[in-house]
Amino acid sequence: MKAMKLIAWQVLISVFLVLSMLTSCTTTPPKTVVQVVERKVEVPRSLLTCTDEPVAGSIWLKERDVARYLVKLAEAGQDCRVKLAAVRRLVEQK
């Protein structure tokens, strides 16, 4: 009878050891952590307005008047492109 109890305990301990070894070898699937970070982009007021487009004169007396208009028009366009590029850099920052 003592021998049976001893064998029963040995089997029980063996089963426990085998089960604990099997469970210690299992791995859990990796968890993907997704973190959403919201940020507020502050655009300076100076970048939100462009130079006004020059008003075309109804009567241009000389070619010089047309040339001045075209130069002012080009400057206004360049001002907007520069400011838009600066806003784009601010918004696309990571």
Protein backbone atom coordinates (compact mmCIF):
# COMPACT_ATOMS: atom_id res chain seq x y z
CA MET A 1 0.00 0.00 0.00
CA LYS A 2 2.82 2.37 0.84
CA ALA A 3 4.45 1.53 -2.45
CA MET A 4 1.23 2.41 -4.33
CA LYS A 5 0.97 5.77 -2.57
CA LEU A 6 4.60 6.49 -3.33
CA ILE A 7 4.10 5.65 -7.02
CA ALA A 8 0.90 7.74 -7.08
CA TRP A 9 2.80 10.73 -5.65
CA GLN A 10 5.65 10.24 -8.10
CA VAL A 11 3.21 10.12 -11.03
CA LEU A 12 1.38 13.18 -9.74
CA ILE A 13 4.63 15.12 -9.34
CA SER A 14 5.82 13.97 -12.77
CA VAL A 15 2.55 15.07 -14.40
CA PHE A 16 2.76 18.42 -12.61
CA LEU A 17 6.36 18.96 -13.75
CA VAL A 18 5.55 18.01 -17.35
CA LEU A 19 2.54 20.33 -17.43
CA SER A 20 4.48 23.22 -15.93
CA MET A 21 7.28 22.71 -18.44
CA LEU A 22 4.82 22.64 -21.34
CA THR A 23 3.07 25.81 -20.26
CA SER A 24 6.33 27.64 -19.70
CA CYS A 25 7.33 27.07 -23.33
CA THR A 26 4.26 28.68 -24.84
CA THR A 27 4.54 32.21 -26.13
CA THR A 28 1.90 34.84 -26.31
CA PRO A 29 1.33 36.57 -29.62
CA PRO A 30 2.92 40.02 -29.78
CA LYS A 31 0.57 42.92 -29.18
CA THR A 32 0.69 45.85 -31.54
CA VAL A 33 0.48 49.06 -29.60
CA VAL A 34 -1.12 51.86 -31.53
CA GLN A 35 -0.85 55.29 -30.04
CA VAL A 36 -2.65 58.18 -31.65
CA VAL A 37 -1.09 61.52 -30.90
CA GLU A 38 -3.09 64.57 -31.78
CA ARG A 39 -1.24 67.82 -32.14
CA LYS A 40 -2.45 71.29 -32.83
CA VAL A 41 -0.59 73.15 -35.54
CA GLU A 42 -0.46 76.86 -34.99
CA VAL A 43 0.04 78.83 -38.17
CA PRO A 44 1.21 82.42 -37.66
CA ARG A 45 -1.24 85.05 -38.88
CA SER A 46 1.40 86.52 -41.15
CA LEU A 47 1.34 83.32 -43.21
CA LEU A 48 -2.44 83.34 -43.66
CA THR A 49 -2.65 86.37 -45.93
CA CYS A 50 -0.97 87.16 -49.20
CA THR A 51 -0.14 90.42 -50.86
CA ASP A 52 -3.17 91.71 -52.72
CA GLU A 53 -3.25 91.24 -56.45
CA PRO A 54 -2.64 94.58 -58.11
CA VAL A 55 -5.61 96.20 -59.84
CA ALA A 56 -5.23 96.36 -63.57
CA GLY A 57 -5.47 99.89 -64.86
CA SER A 58 -8.23 100.62 -67.30
CA ILE A 59 -5.99 102.90 -69.33
CA TRP A 60 -2.30 102.28 -69.53
CA LEU A 61 -0.52 105.15 -71.11
CA LYS A 62 2.88 103.57 -71.55
CA GLU A 63 4.48 100.15 -71.69
CA ARG A 64 6.15 101.10 -68.41
CA ASP A 65 2.69 101.04 -66.71
CA VAL A 66 2.05 97.52 -68.00
CA ALA A 67 5.53 96.41 -66.91
CA ARG A 68 5.00 97.79 -63.38
CA TYR A 69 1.67 95.95 -63.17
CA LEU A 70 3.26 92.69 -64.27
CA VAL A 71 6.10 93.08 -61.74
CA LYS A 72 3.60 93.72 -58.91
CA LEU A 73 1.53 90.75 -60.06
CA ALA A 74 4.59 88.49 -60.05
CA GLU A 75 5.60 89.74 -56.57
CA ALA A 76 2.11 89.02 -55.20
CA GLY A 77 2.22 85.49 -56.64
CA GLN A 78 5.69 84.84 -55.21
CA ASP A 79 4.57 86.12 -51.79
CA CYS A 80 1.72 83.59 -51.76
CA ARG A 81 3.93 80.71 -52.91
CA VAL A 82 6.52 81.42 -50.19
CA LYS A 83 3.87 81.64 -47.47
CA LEU A 84 2.11 78.50 -48.68
CA ALA A 85 5.40 76.59 -48.61
CA ALA A 86 5.99 77.74 -45.01
CA VAL A 87 2.49 76.63 -43.97
CA ARG A 88 3.06 73.27 -45.68
CA ARG A 89 6.29 72.74 -43.71
CA LEU A 90 4.48 73.54 -40.44
CA VAL A 91 1.59 71.19 -41.17
CA GLU A 92 3.71 68.29 -42.43
CA GLN A 93 6.14 68.34 -39.48
CA LYS A 94 6.38 65.02 -37.71
